[in-house]
C-alpha atoms as a PDB file:
ATOM      1  CA  UNK A   1       0.000   0.000   0.000  1.00  0.00           C
ATOM      2  CA  UNK A   2       1.398   3.469  -0.840  1.00  0.00           C
ATOM      3  CA  UNK A   3       2.701   5.535   2.073  1.00  0.00           C
ATOM      4  CA  UNK A   4       1.186   8.817   0.858  1.00  0.00           C
ATOM      5  CA  UNK A   5       4.518  10.458  -0.055  1.00  0.00           C
ATOM      6  CA  UNK A   6       3.731  11.693  -3.564  1.00  0.00           C
ATOM      7  CA  UNK A   7       6.402  14.423  -3.747  1.00  0.00           C
ATOM      8  CA  UNK A   8       8.105  12.919  -6.788  1.00  0.00           C
ATOM      9  CA  UNK A   9       8.186  12.481 -10.528  1.00  0.00           C
ATOM     10  CA  UNK A  10       5.869   9.683 -11.631  1.00  0.00           C
ATOM     11  CA  UNK A  11       6.248   9.517 -15.417  1.00  0.00           C
ATOM     12  CA  UNK A  12       8.206  12.178 -17.249  1.00  0.00           C
ATOM     13  CA  UNK A  13      10.113  13.315 -20.326  1.00  0.00           C
ATOM     14  CA  UNK A  14      10.893  16.646 -18.736  1.00  0.00           C
ATOM     15  CA  UNK A  15      14.205  18.544 -18.723  1.00  0.00           C
ATOM     16  CA  UNK A  16      12.758  21.906 -17.618  1.00  0.00           C
ATOM     17  CA  UNK A  17       9.641  23.980 -18.314  1.00  0.00           C
ATOM     18  CA  UNK A  18      11.024  25.314 -21.627  1.00  0.00           C
ATOM     19  CA  UNK A  19      11.915  21.961 -23.210  1.00  0.00           C
ATOM     20  CA  UNK A  20       9.519  19.609 -21.460  1.00  0.00           C
ATOM     21  CA  UNK A  21       7.492  17.123 -23.453  1.00  0.00           C
ATOM     22  CA  UNK A  22       5.329  15.908 -20.528  1.00  0.00           C
ATOM     23  CA  UNK A  23       5.509  15.281 -16.787  1.00  0.00           C
ATOM     24  CA  UNK A  24       3.134  13.517 -14.380  1.00  0.00           C
ATOM     25  CA  UNK A  25       4.249  14.337 -10.840  1.00  0.00           C
ATOM     26  CA  UNK A  26       3.412  14.961  -7.201  1.00  0.00           C
ATOM     27  CA  UNK A  27       4.484  18.204  -5.497  1.00  0.00           C
ATOM     28  CA  UNK A  28       3.360  20.866  -3.048  1.00  0.00           C
ATOM     29  CA  UNK A  29       1.961  23.439  -5.481  1.00  0.00           C
ATOM     30  CA  UNK A  30       1.051  26.985  -4.449  1.00  0.00           C
ATOM     31  CA  UNK A  31      -2.623  27.721  -3.871  1.00  0.00           C
ATOM     32  CA  UNK A  32      -3.602  24.486  -2.121  1.00  0.00           C
ATOM     33  CA  UNK A  33      -2.636  23.070   1.259  1.00  0.00           C
ATOM     34  CA  UNK A  34      -0.408  19.990   1.097  1.00  0.00           C
ATOM     35  CA  UNK A  35       0.653  17.881  -1.840  1.00  0.00           C
ATOM     36  CA  UNK A  36      -0.917  17.878  -5.296  1.00  0.00           C
ATOM     37  CA  UNK A  37      -0.813  15.618  -8.331  1.00  0.00           C
ATOM     38  CA  UNK A  38      -0.043  17.471 -11.549  1.00  0.00           C
ATOM     39  CA  UNK A  39       0.323  16.829 -15.251  1.00  0.00           C
ATOM     40  CA  UNK A  40       2.132  19.313 -17.474  1.00  0.00           C
ATOM     41  CA  UNK A  41       3.072  19.603 -21.130  1.00  0.00           C
ATOM     42  CA  UNK A  42       4.906  22.127 -23.272  1.00  0.00           C
ATOM     43  CA  UNK A  43       3.895  23.035 -26.816  1.00  0.00           C
ATOM     44  CA  UNK A  44       4.891  25.817 -29.220  1.00  0.00           C
ATOM     45  CA  UNK A  45       2.148  27.798 -27.402  1.00  0.00           C
ATOM     46  CA  UNK A  46       4.032  27.397 -24.097  1.00  0.00           C
ATOM     47  CA  UNK A  47       3.734  25.566 -20.786  1.00  0.00           C
ATOM     48  CA  UNK A  48       0.444  24.369 -19.276  1.00  0.00           C
ATOM     49  CA  UNK A  49      -0.422  22.333 -16.188  1.00  0.00           C
ATOM     50  CA  UNK A  50      -3.491  20.726 -14.642  1.00  0.00           C
ATOM     51  CA  UNK A  51      -3.515  19.482 -11.056  1.00  0.00           C
ATOM     52  CA  UNK A  52      -5.590  18.533  -8.045  1.00  0.00           C
ATOM     53  CA  UNK A  53      -4.912  18.470  -4.301  1.00  0.00           C
ATOM     54  CA  UNK A  54      -4.272  15.004  -2.862  1.00  0.00           C
ATOM     55  CA  UNK A  55      -6.810  15.856  -0.171  1.00  0.00           C
ATOM     56  CA  UNK A  56      -9.508  15.055  -2.787  1.00  0.00           C
ATOM     57  CA  UNK A  57      -8.492  11.361  -2.740  1.00  0.00           C
ATOM     58  CA  UNK A  58      -6.989   8.867  -0.309  1.00  0.00           C
ATOM     59  CA  UNK A  59      -3.241   9.518  -0.701  1.00  0.00           C
ATOM     60  CA  UNK A  60      -2.399   6.171   0.942  1.00  0.00           C
ATOM     61  CA  UNK A  61      -4.632   4.206  -1.449  1.00  0.00           C
ATOM     62  CA  UNK A  62      -3.807   3.016  -4.936  1.00  0.00           C
ATOM     63  CA  UNK A  63      -4.296   5.823  -7.434  1.00  0.00           C
ATOM     64  CA  UNK A  64      -4.958   5.204 -11.107  1.00  0.00           C
ATOM     65  CA  UNK A  65      -3.625   8.390 -12.755  1.00  0.00           C
ATOM     66  CA  UNK A  66      -4.028   9.366 -16.402  1.00  0.00           C
ATOM     67  CA  UNK A  67      -2.610  12.532 -17.944  1.00  0.00           C
ATOM     68  CA  UNK A  68      -3.894  13.224 -21.449  1.00  0.00           C
ATOM     69  CA  UNK A  69      -3.179  15.865 -24.080  1.00  0.00           C
ATOM     70  CA  UNK A  70      -5.026  15.641 -27.403  1.00  0.00           C
ATOM     71  CA  UNK A  71      -3.981  18.877 -29.122  1.00  0.00           C
ATOM     72  CA  UNK A  72      -7.194  20.610 -27.975  1.00  0.00           C
ATOM     73  CA  UNK A  73      -7.118  20.155 -24.204  1.00  0.00           C
ATOM     74  CA  UNK A  74      -5.028  18.803 -21.355  1.00  0.00           C
ATOM     75  CA  UNK A  75      -6.691  16.679 -18.691  1.00  0.00           C
ATOM     76  CA  UNK A  76      -5.842  14.779 -15.539  1.00  0.00           C
ATOM     77  CA  UNK A  77      -7.907  11.826 -14.332  1.00  0.00           C
ATOM     78  CA  UNK A  78      -7.680   9.947 -11.060  1.00  0.00           C
ATOM     79  CA  UNK A  79      -9.463   6.629 -10.524  1.00  0.00           C
ATOM     80  CA  UNK A  80     -11.596   7.283 -13.605  1.00  0.00           C
ATOM     81  CA  UNK A  81     -12.739  10.730 -12.467  1.00  0.00           C
ATOM     82  CA  UNK A  82     -11.806  13.927 -14.324  1.00  0.00           C
ATOM     83  CA  UNK A  83      -9.939  16.067 -11.785  1.00  0.00           C
ATOM     84  CA  UNK A  84      -9.034  19.058 -13.985  1.00  0.00           C
ATOM     85  CA  UNK A  85      -9.112  19.943 -17.658  1.00  0.00           C
ATOM     86  CA  UNK A  86      -8.078  23.039 -19.613  1.00  0.00           C
ATOM     87  CA  UNK A  87      -8.229  23.988 -23.274  1.00  0.00           C
ATOM     88  CA  UNK A  88      -4.763  23.979 -24.854  1.00  0.00           C
ATOM     89  CA  UNK A  89      -3.323  23.539 -28.321  1.00  0.00           C
ATOM     90  CA  UNK A  90      -0.105  23.109 -30.211  1.00  0.00           C
ATOM     91  CA  UNK A  91       2.372  20.426 -31.087  1.00  0.00           C
ATOM     92  CA  UNK A  92       4.277  18.909 -28.149  1.00  0.00           C
ATOM     93  CA  UNK A  93       7.834  20.168 -27.706  1.00  0.00           C
ATOM     94  CA  UNK A  94      10.392  17.498 -28.566  1.00  0.00           C
ATOM     95  CA  UNK A  95      13.486  16.972 -26.448  1.00  0.00           C
ATOM     96  CA  UNK A  96      16.313  14.484 -25.992  1.00  0.00           C
ATOM     97  CA  UNK A  97      15.543  13.797 -22.319  1.00  0.00           C
ATOM     98  CA  UNK A  98      14.983  10.165 -21.316  1.00  0.00           C
ATOM     99  CA  UNK A  99      11.518   8.963 -20.355  1.00  0.00           C
ATOM    100  CA  UNK A 100      11.651   8.198 -16.634  1.00  0.00           C
ATOM    101  CA  UNK A 101       9.264   6.154 -14.522  1.00  0.00           C
ATOM    102  CA  UNK A 102       9.407   7.177 -10.865  1.00  0.00           C
ATOM    103  CA  UNK A 103      11.530  10.314 -11.376  1.00  0.00           C
ATOM    104  CA  UNK A 104      11.852  13.438 -13.516  1.00  0.00           C
ATOM    105  CA  UNK A 105      14.889  15.163 -15.019  1.00  0.00           C
ATOM    106  CA  UNK A 106      15.798  18.762 -14.315  1.00  0.00           C
ATOM    107  CA  UNK A 107      18.241  20.064 -16.919  1.00  0.00           C
ATOM    108  CA  UNK A 108      19.357  16.506 -17.671  1.00  0.00           C
ATOM    109  CA  UNK A 109      19.754  15.382 -14.054  1.00  0.00           C
ATOM    110  CA  UNK A 110      17.291  12.804 -12.665  1.00  0.00           C
ATOM    111  CA  UNK A 111      15.602  14.040  -9.468  1.00  0.00           C
ATOM    112  CA  UNK A 112      12.318  13.748  -7.551  1.00  0.00           C
ATOM    113  CA  UNK A 113      12.586   9.983  -7.070  1.00  0.00           C
ATOM    114  CA  UNK A 114       9.360   8.136  -6.257  1.00  0.00           C
ATOM    115  CA  UNK A 115      10.124   5.632  -3.493  1.00  0.00           C
ATOM    116  CA  UNK A 116       6.845   3.755  -3.380  1.00  0.00           C
ATOM    117  CA  UNK A 117       5.245   1.297  -5.792  1.00  0.00           C
ATOM    118  CA  UNK A 118       4.197   1.831  -9.401  1.00  0.00           C
ATOM    119  CA  UNK A 119       2.286  -1.150 -10.680  1.00  0.00           C
ATOM    120  CA  UNK A 120       1.963  -0.143 -14.305  1.00  0.00           C
ATOM    121  CA  UNK A 121       2.993   2.715 -16.605  1.00  0.00           C
ATOM    122  CA  UNK A 122       2.132   3.273 -20.256  1.00  0.00           C
ATOM    123  CA  UNK A 123       2.605   5.974 -22.879  1.00  0.00           C
ATOM    124  CA  UNK A 124       0.690   6.214 -26.148  1.00  0.00           C
ATOM    125  CA  UNK A 125       1.711   8.200 -29.221  1.00  0.00           C
ATOM    126  CA  UNK A 126      -1.819   9.635 -29.398  1.00  0.00           C
ATOM    127  CA  UNK A 127      -4.526  10.676 -26.953  1.00  0.00           C
ATOM    128  CA  UNK A 128      -6.889   7.830 -26.109  1.00  0.00           C
ATOM    129  CA  UNK A 129     -10.645   8.215 -26.484  1.00  0.00           C
ATOM    130  CA  UNK A 130     -12.952   8.194 -23.453  1.00  0.00           C
ATOM    131  CA  UNK A 131     -13.963   4.610 -24.280  1.00  0.00           C
ATOM    132  CA  UNK A 132     -10.328   3.503 -24.507  1.00  0.00           C
ATOM    133  CA  UNK A 133      -9.485   5.229 -21.219  1.00  0.00           C
ATOM    134  CA  UNK A 134     -12.410   3.545 -19.479  1.00  0.00           C
ATOM    135  CA  UNK A 135     -10.953   0.117 -20.319  1.00  0.00           C
ATOM    136  CA  UNK A 136      -7.694   1.056 -18.544  1.00  0.00           C
ATOM    137  CA  UNK A 137      -9.148   2.155 -15.222  1.00  0.00           C
ATOM    138  CA  UNK A 138      -8.050  -0.244 -12.475  1.00  0.00           C
ATOM    139  CA  UNK A 139      -9.534   1.643  -9.507  1.00  0.00           C
ATOM    140  CA  UNK A 140     -13.221   2.539  -9.940  1.00  0.00           C
ATOM    141  CA  UNK A 141     -14.340   6.150  -9.480  1.00  0.00           C
ATOM    142  CA  UNK A 142     -16.003   6.994  -6.148  1.00  0.00           C
END
C-alpha cells in the first residue's frame, strides 16, 4: 500500500519547463494546502499544467492516474474521475531527455525519485478516447 509520499516524478520526459514534453508528478503546489498531483506539457504555445490536491483522494490508497493531451485540451484523471481539464493547443515540444518512470529530469539530471510502488505505466503516441481510457481504469471512481 502506498505511504502517501507523492512528492516525486511519476512519469516524465521533462528537462525543464522550456523543453519539457510531458511530466506527471506529485508536489506541493502553491494555492492548495499539502501535496498535489499534476500533469504538465509544453507546446509551441508554451507551458500548461493541470492538477488537483491530494486531499480530494486517499493519498495512501492506490491511485490510477491518467494525464492526457489531445492537441485541444489537457486533462488529468484519477481513478476514472476527471480532476481538472483546460483547453490547450499546439504540437508537443520534442526533447532528448529520457523517459523516466518514478523520477523526472531537471536540466538533464534525474531528481524527484518516487520511493513507493508503481504497478503499471504506459505511454501512447496519441490521446486515447474516453472509451479507450475507461478500459484502462483499475480503480473505480467513487
